[in-house]
Amino acid sequence: MPEQSERCAQLCRKPTDGVFEKGAVVREKETGQQMIITQLGIALIERHHFFQGLGSRYRIDPEVAVRLLGLASFKEGTP
């Protein structure tokens, strides 16, 4: 069985020319809140539980994703 770092290299790295897809924008009409979802972002969450850094254009904030994608009801200020 390959080590974790070797598996990551196999799954996450692809030869590229430096051009990446820009992703889809999910926007809530009422509030204007939005997030950008990319294949790389989904892979980082799925494989590494990494949502990207605060302030990153491509960050997928877990609370925002839950609300915008209708995954569960979410009340601000509650766990």
N, C-alpha and C. Protein backbone atom coordinates (compact mmCIF):
# COMPACT_ATOMS: atom_id res chain seq x y z
N MET A 1 0.85 -1.19 0.00
CA MET A 1 0.00 0.00 0.00
C MET A 1 0.89 1.25 0.00
N PRO A 2 0.63 2.19 -0.91
CA PRO A 2 1.48 3.39 -0.97
C PRO A 2 1.32 4.26 0.26
N GLU A 3 2.37 4.97 0.60
CA GLU A 3 2.31 5.91 1.71
C GLU A 3 1.39 7.06 1.36
N GLN A 4 0.92 7.81 2.40
CA GLN A 4 0.00 8.92 2.20
C GLN A 4 0.54 9.94 1.20
N SER A 5 1.81 10.35 1.36
CA SER A 5 2.35 11.37 0.47
C SER A 5 2.42 10.87 -0.98
N GLU A 6 2.70 9.60 -1.15
CA GLU A 6 2.76 9.02 -2.49
C GLU A 6 1.36 8.97 -3.10
N ARG A 7 0.36 8.59 -2.30
CA ARG A 7 -1.02 8.56 -2.79
C ARG A 7 -1.48 9.96 -3.18
N CYS A 8 -1.11 10.96 -2.36
CA CYS A 8 -1.48 12.34 -2.66
C CYS A 8 -0.87 12.75 -3.99
N ALA A 9 0.37 12.41 -4.19
CA ALA A 9 1.05 12.78 -5.44
C ALA A 9 0.34 12.14 -6.63
N GLN A 10 -0.11 10.92 -6.46
CA GLN A 10 -0.81 10.24 -7.54
C GLN A 10 -2.17 10.86 -7.81
N LEU A 11 -2.88 11.26 -6.76
CA LEU A 11 -4.24 11.77 -6.90
C LEU A 11 -4.29 13.25 -7.23
N CYS A 12 -3.43 14.04 -6.62
CA CYS A 12 -3.57 15.50 -6.70
C CYS A 12 -2.76 16.15 -7.81
N ARG A 13 -1.67 15.57 -8.18
CA ARG A 13 -0.80 16.23 -9.16
C ARG A 13 -1.08 15.73 -10.56
N LYS A 14 -1.29 16.66 -11.43
CA LYS A 14 -1.44 16.34 -12.85
C LYS A 14 -0.54 17.30 -13.60
N PRO A 15 0.08 16.82 -14.65
CA PRO A 15 0.86 17.76 -15.46
C PRO A 15 -0.07 18.82 -16.03
N THR A 16 0.32 20.08 -15.92
CA THR A 16 -0.51 21.16 -16.46
C THR A 16 0.39 22.14 -17.18
N ASP A 17 -0.25 22.99 -17.93
CA ASP A 17 0.49 24.07 -18.58
C ASP A 17 0.36 25.35 -17.76
N GLY A 18 -0.12 25.20 -16.50
CA GLY A 18 -0.27 26.35 -15.62
C GLY A 18 -1.63 27.02 -15.73
N VAL A 19 -2.50 26.47 -16.59
CA VAL A 19 -3.83 27.02 -16.75
C VAL A 19 -4.81 26.10 -16.04
N PHE A 20 -5.62 26.67 -15.17
CA PHE A 20 -6.57 25.88 -14.40
C PHE A 20 -7.98 26.40 -14.66
N GLU A 21 -8.96 25.50 -14.55
CA GLU A 21 -10.34 25.93 -14.71
C GLU A 21 -10.68 26.91 -13.60
N LYS A 22 -11.56 27.85 -13.89
CA LYS A 22 -11.86 28.93 -12.95
C LYS A 22 -12.97 28.59 -11.98
N GLY A 23 -13.72 27.54 -12.24
CA GLY A 23 -14.74 27.10 -11.31
C GLY A 23 -16.10 27.74 -11.55
N ALA A 24 -17.03 27.34 -10.71
CA ALA A 24 -18.40 27.84 -10.77
C ALA A 24 -18.63 28.79 -9.61
N VAL A 25 -19.40 29.83 -9.85
CA VAL A 25 -19.75 30.76 -8.79
C VAL A 25 -21.15 30.42 -8.32
N VAL A 26 -21.28 30.19 -7.00
CA VAL A 26 -22.59 29.96 -6.39
C VAL A 26 -22.91 31.24 -5.63
N ARG A 27 -24.05 31.86 -5.96
CA ARG A 27 -24.42 33.14 -5.36
C ARG A 27 -25.84 33.07 -4.82
N GLU A 28 -26.03 33.58 -3.61
CA GLU A 28 -27.37 33.70 -3.03
C GLU A 28 -27.95 35.05 -3.46
N LYS A 29 -29.10 35.02 -4.12
CA LYS A 29 -29.69 36.25 -4.67
C LYS A 29 -30.04 37.26 -3.59
N GLU A 30 -30.62 36.79 -2.49
CA GLU A 30 -31.09 37.71 -1.46
C GLU A 30 -29.97 38.48 -0.78
N THR A 31 -28.89 37.80 -0.45
CA THR A 31 -27.81 38.45 0.30
C THR A 31 -26.63 38.84 -0.57
N GLY A 32 -26.51 38.22 -1.75
CA GLY A 32 -25.36 38.48 -2.61
C GLY A 32 -24.12 37.70 -2.19
N GLN A 33 -24.24 36.90 -1.11
CA GLN A 33 -23.10 36.11 -0.66
C GLN A 33 -22.78 35.06 -1.71
N GLN A 34 -21.48 34.84 -1.94
CA GLN A 34 -21.08 33.90 -2.97
C GLN A 34 -19.84 33.13 -2.59
N MET A 35 -19.59 32.06 -3.33
CA MET A 35 -18.35 31.30 -3.21
C MET A 35 -18.02 30.74 -4.58
N ILE A 36 -16.75 30.48 -4.78
CA ILE A 36 -16.27 29.91 -6.04
C ILE A 36 -15.88 28.47 -5.76
N ILE A 37 -16.45 27.55 -6.53
CA ILE A 37 -16.16 26.13 -6.34
C ILE A 37 -15.33 25.67 -7.53
N THR A 38 -14.16 25.09 -7.23
CA THR A 38 -13.30 24.55 -8.28
C THR A 38 -13.06 23.07 -8.03
N GLN A 39 -12.64 22.36 -9.04
CA GLN A 39 -12.31 20.94 -8.88
C GLN A 39 -11.17 20.79 -7.89
N LEU A 40 -10.19 21.69 -7.95
CA LEU A 40 -9.07 21.62 -7.02
C LEU A 40 -9.55 21.85 -5.59
N GLY A 41 -10.44 22.83 -5.40
CA GLY A 41 -10.97 23.10 -4.07
C GLY A 41 -11.69 21.90 -3.48
N ILE A 42 -12.51 21.25 -4.29
CA ILE A 42 -13.23 20.06 -3.84
C ILE A 42 -12.25 18.94 -3.49
N ALA A 43 -11.23 18.75 -4.32
CA ALA A 43 -10.22 17.71 -4.05
C ALA A 43 -9.46 18.00 -2.76
N LEU A 44 -9.12 19.27 -2.52
CA LEU A 44 -8.41 19.62 -1.29
C LEU A 44 -9.25 19.34 -0.06
N ILE A 45 -10.54 19.61 -0.14
CA ILE A 45 -11.42 19.31 1.00
C ILE A 45 -11.56 17.81 1.18
N GLU A 46 -11.83 17.12 0.09
CA GLU A 46 -12.06 15.68 0.14
C GLU A 46 -10.85 14.90 0.64
N ARG A 47 -9.68 15.23 0.14
CA ARG A 47 -8.49 14.44 0.45
C ARG A 47 -7.69 14.95 1.64
N HIS A 48 -7.78 16.25 1.92
CA HIS A 48 -6.91 16.84 2.94
C HIS A 48 -7.66 17.64 4.01
N HIS A 49 -8.98 17.76 3.86
CA HIS A 49 -9.79 18.54 4.80
C HIS A 49 -9.27 19.98 4.86
N PHE A 50 -8.86 20.49 3.72
CA PHE A 50 -8.29 21.84 3.62
C PHE A 50 -9.23 22.72 2.81
N PHE A 51 -9.72 23.79 3.42
CA PHE A 51 -10.70 24.66 2.80
C PHE A 51 -10.07 25.93 2.23
N GLN A 52 -8.76 26.02 2.23
CA GLN A 52 -7.97 27.16 1.78
C GLN A 52 -8.00 28.26 2.85
N GLY A 53 -7.06 29.15 2.78
CA GLY A 53 -6.87 30.14 3.84
C GLY A 53 -7.90 31.25 3.85
N LEU A 54 -8.08 31.83 5.04
CA LEU A 54 -8.99 32.97 5.18
C LEU A 54 -8.53 34.07 4.24
N GLY A 55 -9.46 34.66 3.53
CA GLY A 55 -9.14 35.73 2.60
C GLY A 55 -8.80 35.26 1.20
N SER A 56 -8.63 33.94 1.02
CA SER A 56 -8.32 33.41 -0.29
C SER A 56 -9.55 33.51 -1.19
N ARG A 57 -9.35 33.93 -2.42
CA ARG A 57 -10.46 34.04 -3.37
C ARG A 57 -11.16 32.69 -3.56
N TYR A 58 -10.42 31.60 -3.44
CA TYR A 58 -10.97 30.28 -3.70
C TYR A 58 -11.33 29.51 -2.44
N ARG A 59 -11.31 30.18 -1.29
CA ARG A 59 -11.69 29.52 -0.04
C ARG A 59 -13.16 29.10 -0.13
N ILE A 60 -13.43 27.86 0.29
CA ILE A 60 -14.80 27.38 0.42
C ILE A 60 -15.07 27.31 1.91
N ASP A 61 -15.68 28.37 2.44
CA ASP A 61 -15.97 28.43 3.87
C ASP A 61 -17.05 27.39 4.17
N PRO A 62 -16.79 26.49 5.14
CA PRO A 62 -17.75 25.42 5.42
C PRO A 62 -19.16 25.94 5.76
N GLU A 63 -19.25 26.98 6.56
CA GLU A 63 -20.57 27.51 6.95
C GLU A 63 -21.29 28.13 5.75
N VAL A 64 -20.55 28.82 4.92
CA VAL A 64 -21.14 29.43 3.73
C VAL A 64 -21.60 28.33 2.77
N ALA A 65 -20.77 27.30 2.59
CA ALA A 65 -21.13 26.20 1.69
C ALA A 65 -22.41 25.51 2.16
N VAL A 66 -22.52 25.26 3.45
CA VAL A 66 -23.72 24.63 3.99
C VAL A 66 -24.95 25.47 3.68
N ARG A 67 -24.84 26.75 3.90
CA ARG A 67 -25.98 27.65 3.66
C ARG A 67 -26.32 27.76 2.17
N LEU A 68 -25.32 28.05 1.35
CA LEU A 68 -25.58 28.29 -0.07
C LEU A 68 -26.03 27.04 -0.82
N LEU A 69 -25.52 25.89 -0.40
CA LEU A 69 -25.87 24.65 -1.09
C LEU A 69 -27.08 23.96 -0.48
N GLY A 70 -27.63 24.56 0.60
CA GLY A 70 -28.82 24.00 1.23
C GLY A 70 -28.59 22.63 1.84
N LEU A 71 -27.38 22.41 2.37
CA LEU A 71 -27.04 21.11 2.93
C LEU A 71 -27.68 20.87 4.30
N ALA A 72 -27.95 21.94 5.01
CA ALA A 72 -28.60 21.86 6.32
C ALA A 72 -29.04 23.25 6.68
N SER A 73 -29.96 23.35 7.60
CA SER A 73 -30.33 24.70 8.03
C SER A 73 -29.22 25.22 8.92
N PHE A 74 -28.94 26.49 8.82
CA PHE A 74 -27.83 27.10 9.55
C PHE A 74 -28.31 28.43 10.13
N LYS A 75 -28.13 28.57 11.43
CA LYS A 75 -28.44 29.84 12.08
C LYS A 75 -27.14 30.44 12.55
N GLU A 76 -26.89 31.66 12.15
CA GLU A 76 -25.66 32.33 12.55
C GLU A 76 -25.59 32.41 14.06
N GLY A 77 -24.40 32.12 14.60
CA GLY A 77 -24.18 32.19 16.03
C GLY A 77 -24.49 30.90 16.76
N THR A 78 -24.89 29.85 16.05
CA THR A 78 -25.14 28.57 16.69
C THR A 78 -24.21 27.53 16.13
N PRO A 79 -23.84 26.55 16.91
CA PRO A 79 -22.93 25.50 16.41
C PRO A 79 -23.58 24.60 15.40
